[in-house]
Amino acid sequence: MQHDPERLSICVYCGSRHGERPAYTAAARLLGTTIGELGMRLVYGGGNVGLMGEVADAALAAGAPVLGVIPRALMEREVGHRGLTELRVVETMHQRKQLMAEQADAFIALPGGIGTFEELFEVWTWRQLGYHDQPIGLLNIGGYYDPLLQFLDRSVAEGFVSSAVRALLQVDTDPLRLLDALAQAARRATGADDYRAI
């Protein structure tokens, strides 16, 4: 599957578990459905379990092309999704993250664990350093990320993160609203007049 320049590709980072609250699963499903209904494309970590599987299944059911990228060593642990539009098996986590980033026009993090945190902060760091200019969003479901956001604000107050870099992370509780904001930012970044998805 080649990156379609007319279809906005959303890279989603999220947990390989469901978490303790049903709201997390519901949000993953809603995000996947919305990606499909808007004519967008999903890029994600290729798993068939937890929130990863939920967002992929919902996107597929809503008609979205879905690219999964998974390291060979995780094919069994994360149960590689065999029903995707395309599943690419790579050798390392570095290759996984690089390929996902190369295929994305924007990034969204759902609730997840340390893998999700690491992916979000890495792509945010790459943006700070100028390696890409794609927008980054955080879907804050049920206040899950409230303590992290408070800490990020403290890092600004303590002089370790600039307010401009802090502002690069767009935060919302509503998938449609967040997708719309990221789509607008992606259009500005690429200079595109429009995406077929919007």
Protein backbone atom coordinates (compact mmCIF):
# COMPACT_ATOMS: atom_id res chain seq x y z
CA MET A 1 0.00 0.00 0.00
CA GLN A 2 1.47 3.33 -1.04
CA HIS A 3 0.80 6.52 0.87
CA ASP A 4 -2.17 8.12 -0.91
CA PRO A 5 -1.48 11.89 -1.05
CA GLU A 6 -5.21 12.61 -1.38
CA ARG A 7 -6.21 10.59 1.69
CA LEU A 8 -5.21 11.81 5.13
CA SER A 9 -3.28 9.08 6.97
CA ILE A 10 -3.68 9.05 10.75
CA CYS A 11 -1.10 7.19 12.82
CA VAL A 12 -2.67 5.99 16.06
CA TYR A 13 -0.65 4.94 19.11
CA CYS A 14 -2.58 3.03 21.78
CA GLY A 15 -2.52 0.21 24.27
CA SER A 16 -2.33 -3.50 23.50
CA ARG A 17 -4.64 -3.88 26.53
CA HIS A 18 -8.17 -2.54 27.01
CA GLY A 19 -7.56 -0.85 30.35
CA GLU A 20 -9.92 -0.87 33.29
CA ARG A 21 -12.62 1.44 31.96
CA PRO A 22 -15.08 0.62 29.16
CA ALA A 23 -14.72 4.25 28.02
CA TYR A 24 -11.26 3.49 26.65
CA THR A 25 -12.56 0.74 24.37
CA ALA A 26 -15.50 2.87 23.32
CA ALA A 27 -13.16 5.73 22.42
CA ALA A 28 -10.91 3.47 20.35
CA ARG A 29 -13.91 2.17 18.44
CA LEU A 30 -15.27 5.67 17.89
CA LEU A 31 -11.91 6.94 16.68
CA GLY A 32 -11.59 4.06 14.20
CA THR A 33 -15.15 4.55 12.97
CA THR A 34 -14.63 8.29 12.55
CA ILE A 35 -11.40 7.76 10.59
CA GLY A 36 -13.34 5.52 8.22
CA GLU A 37 -16.36 7.79 7.93
CA LEU A 38 -14.13 10.76 7.08
CA GLY A 39 -12.43 8.81 4.31
CA MET A 40 -9.10 8.75 6.11
CA ARG A 41 -6.54 5.95 6.37
CA LEU A 42 -5.37 4.33 9.61
CA VAL A 43 -1.72 3.56 10.29
CA TYR A 44 -1.05 1.71 13.54
CA GLY A 45 1.06 -0.95 15.24
CA GLY A 46 -0.54 -3.97 13.59
CA GLY A 47 -1.87 -5.76 16.68
CA ASN A 48 -5.21 -7.54 17.02
CA VAL A 49 -5.54 -7.14 20.80
CA GLY A 50 -6.51 -4.39 23.22
CA LEU A 51 -7.26 -0.90 21.97
CA MET A 52 -5.05 -1.60 18.95
CA GLY A 53 -7.42 -4.26 17.69
CA GLU A 54 -10.49 -2.17 18.50
CA VAL A 55 -9.41 0.89 16.53
CA ALA A 56 -8.33 -1.24 13.55
CA ASP A 57 -11.54 -3.30 13.45
CA ALA A 58 -13.70 -0.19 13.70
CA ALA A 59 -11.77 1.60 10.96
CA LEU A 60 -12.02 -1.41 8.67
CA ALA A 61 -15.75 -1.76 9.34
CA ALA A 62 -16.19 1.92 8.40
CA GLY A 63 -14.35 1.45 5.12
CA ALA A 64 -10.91 2.82 5.95
CA PRO A 65 -7.75 1.35 4.46
CA VAL A 66 -5.62 0.14 7.38
CA LEU A 67 -1.85 -0.34 7.40
CA GLY A 68 -0.40 -2.24 10.35
CA VAL A 69 3.32 -2.36 11.10
CA ILE A 70 4.61 -4.92 13.57
CA PRO A 71 8.02 -6.38 14.48
CA ARG A 72 8.42 -10.09 13.83
CA ALA A 73 9.13 -10.75 17.52
CA LEU A 74 5.75 -9.25 18.48
CA MET A 75 3.65 -11.08 15.92
CA GLU A 76 2.59 -13.66 18.51
CA ARG A 77 2.64 -11.47 21.63
CA GLU A 78 0.47 -8.74 20.11
CA VAL A 79 -1.30 -11.19 17.79
CA GLY A 80 -0.65 -9.60 14.40
CA HIS A 81 -3.92 -8.62 12.74
CA ARG A 82 -4.45 -10.79 9.64
CA GLY A 83 -7.49 -8.93 8.36
CA LEU A 84 -5.89 -5.59 7.53
CA THR A 85 -5.60 -3.93 4.16
CA GLU A 86 -1.87 -4.42 4.60
CA LEU A 87 0.29 -5.84 7.42
CA ARG A 88 4.00 -5.15 7.18
CA VAL A 89 6.29 -7.26 9.35
CA VAL A 90 9.60 -5.57 10.17
CA GLU A 91 12.62 -6.69 12.16
CA THR A 92 12.95 -4.02 14.85
CA MET A 93 10.92 -1.52 16.85
CA HIS A 94 12.96 1.26 15.28
CA GLN A 95 11.89 0.14 11.81
CA ARG A 96 8.30 -0.09 12.98
CA LYS A 97 8.21 3.45 14.33
CA GLN A 98 10.06 4.90 11.36
CA LEU A 99 7.75 3.28 8.82
CA MET A 100 4.64 4.33 10.74
CA ALA A 101 5.91 7.91 10.88
CA GLU A 102 6.79 7.93 7.18
CA GLN A 103 3.27 6.79 6.32
CA ALA A 104 1.51 9.36 8.52
CA ASP A 105 0.15 12.85 7.98
CA ALA A 106 -0.82 13.23 11.64
CA PHE A 107 -0.46 11.36 14.93
CA ILE A 108 -2.92 10.57 17.72
CA ALA A 109 -2.26 8.88 21.05
CA LEU A 110 -5.09 7.08 22.82
CA PRO A 111 -4.74 5.75 26.37
CA GLY A 112 -1.98 3.18 26.63
CA GLY A 113 1.08 2.10 28.57
CA ILE A 114 4.79 2.84 28.38
CA GLY A 115 4.99 1.83 24.71
CA THR A 116 2.34 4.41 23.84
CA PHE A 117 4.09 7.03 25.97
CA GLU A 118 7.41 6.32 24.26
CA GLU A 119 5.94 6.54 20.77
CA LEU A 120 4.15 9.79 21.54
CA PHE A 121 7.19 11.45 23.08
CA GLU A 122 9.51 10.27 20.31
CA VAL A 123 7.37 11.66 17.50
CA TRP A 124 6.87 14.87 19.51
CA THR A 125 10.65 15.15 19.97
CA TRP A 126 11.15 14.62 16.23
CA ARG A 127 8.72 17.49 15.63
CA GLN A 128 10.60 19.74 18.08
CA LEU A 129 13.88 18.98 16.27
CA GLY A 130 12.38 19.68 12.85
CA TYR A 131 12.48 16.14 11.49
CA HIS A 132 8.81 16.44 10.47
CA ASP A 133 6.01 18.97 10.66
CA GLN A 134 3.00 16.68 11.07
CA PRO A 135 0.52 17.59 13.83
CA ILE A 136 0.29 15.54 17.02
CA GLY A 137 -2.85 14.92 19.06
CA LEU A 138 -3.66 13.38 22.42
CA LEU A 139 -7.12 11.89 22.97
CA ASN A 140 -7.63 12.33 26.70
CA ILE A 141 -10.39 9.88 27.61
CA GLY A 142 -11.82 9.92 31.12
CA GLY A 143 -9.05 12.19 32.34
CA TYR A 144 -6.50 9.42 31.79
CA TYR A 145 -3.79 11.85 30.73
CA ASP A 146 -4.63 14.64 33.21
CA PRO A 147 -1.62 13.94 35.49
CA LEU A 148 0.71 13.83 32.48
CA LEU A 149 -0.64 17.12 31.15
CA GLN A 150 -0.15 18.69 34.57
CA PHE A 151 3.44 17.48 34.60
CA LEU A 152 4.02 18.85 31.09
CA ASP A 153 2.76 22.23 32.25
CA ARG A 154 5.17 22.04 35.18
CA SER A 155 8.03 21.25 32.78
CA VAL A 156 7.20 24.50 30.99
CA ALA A 157 7.03 26.44 34.27
CA GLU A 158 10.39 24.98 35.34
CA GLY A 159 12.04 26.03 32.08
CA PHE A 160 12.73 22.66 30.50
CA VAL A 161 10.08 22.79 27.75
CA SER A 162 9.15 25.90 25.81
CA SER A 163 5.52 26.97 25.63
CA ALA A 164 5.76 26.70 21.82
CA VAL A 165 6.79 23.04 22.02
CA ARG A 166 4.11 22.35 24.63
CA ALA A 167 1.52 23.85 22.28
CA LEU A 168 2.48 21.36 19.55
CA LEU A 169 0.52 18.69 21.43
CA GLN A 170 -3.16 19.21 20.63
CA VAL A 171 -5.38 17.73 23.33
CA ASP A 172 -9.08 16.91 23.12
CA THR A 173 -11.64 14.50 24.55
CA ASP A 174 -13.64 14.18 21.31
CA PRO A 175 -12.28 12.11 18.37
CA LEU A 176 -14.08 14.04 15.63
CA ARG A 177 -13.00 17.41 16.98
CA LEU A 178 -9.40 16.25 17.33
CA LEU A 179 -9.32 14.71 13.85
CA ASP A 180 -10.70 17.92 12.38
CA ALA A 181 -8.05 20.04 14.12
CA LEU A 182 -5.26 17.71 13.00
CA ALA A 183 -6.58 17.64 9.43
CA GLN A 184 -6.54 21.43 9.27
CA ALA A 185 -3.00 21.52 10.65
CA ALA A 186 -1.87 18.83 8.20
CA ARG A 187 -3.26 20.84 5.29
CA ARG A 188 -1.33 23.89 6.45
CA ALA A 189 1.85 21.84 6.87
CA THR A 190 1.69 20.35 3.37
CA GLY A 191 0.25 23.36 1.62
CA ALA A 192 -2.52 21.16 0.24
CA ASP A 193 -5.76 22.90 -0.65
CA ASP A 194 -7.84 19.95 0.42
CA TYR A 195 -7.91 16.26 1.19
CA ARG A 196 -10.54 14.00 -0.25
CA ALA A 197 -11.28 13.00 3.33
CA ILE A 198 -12.32 16.44 4.49
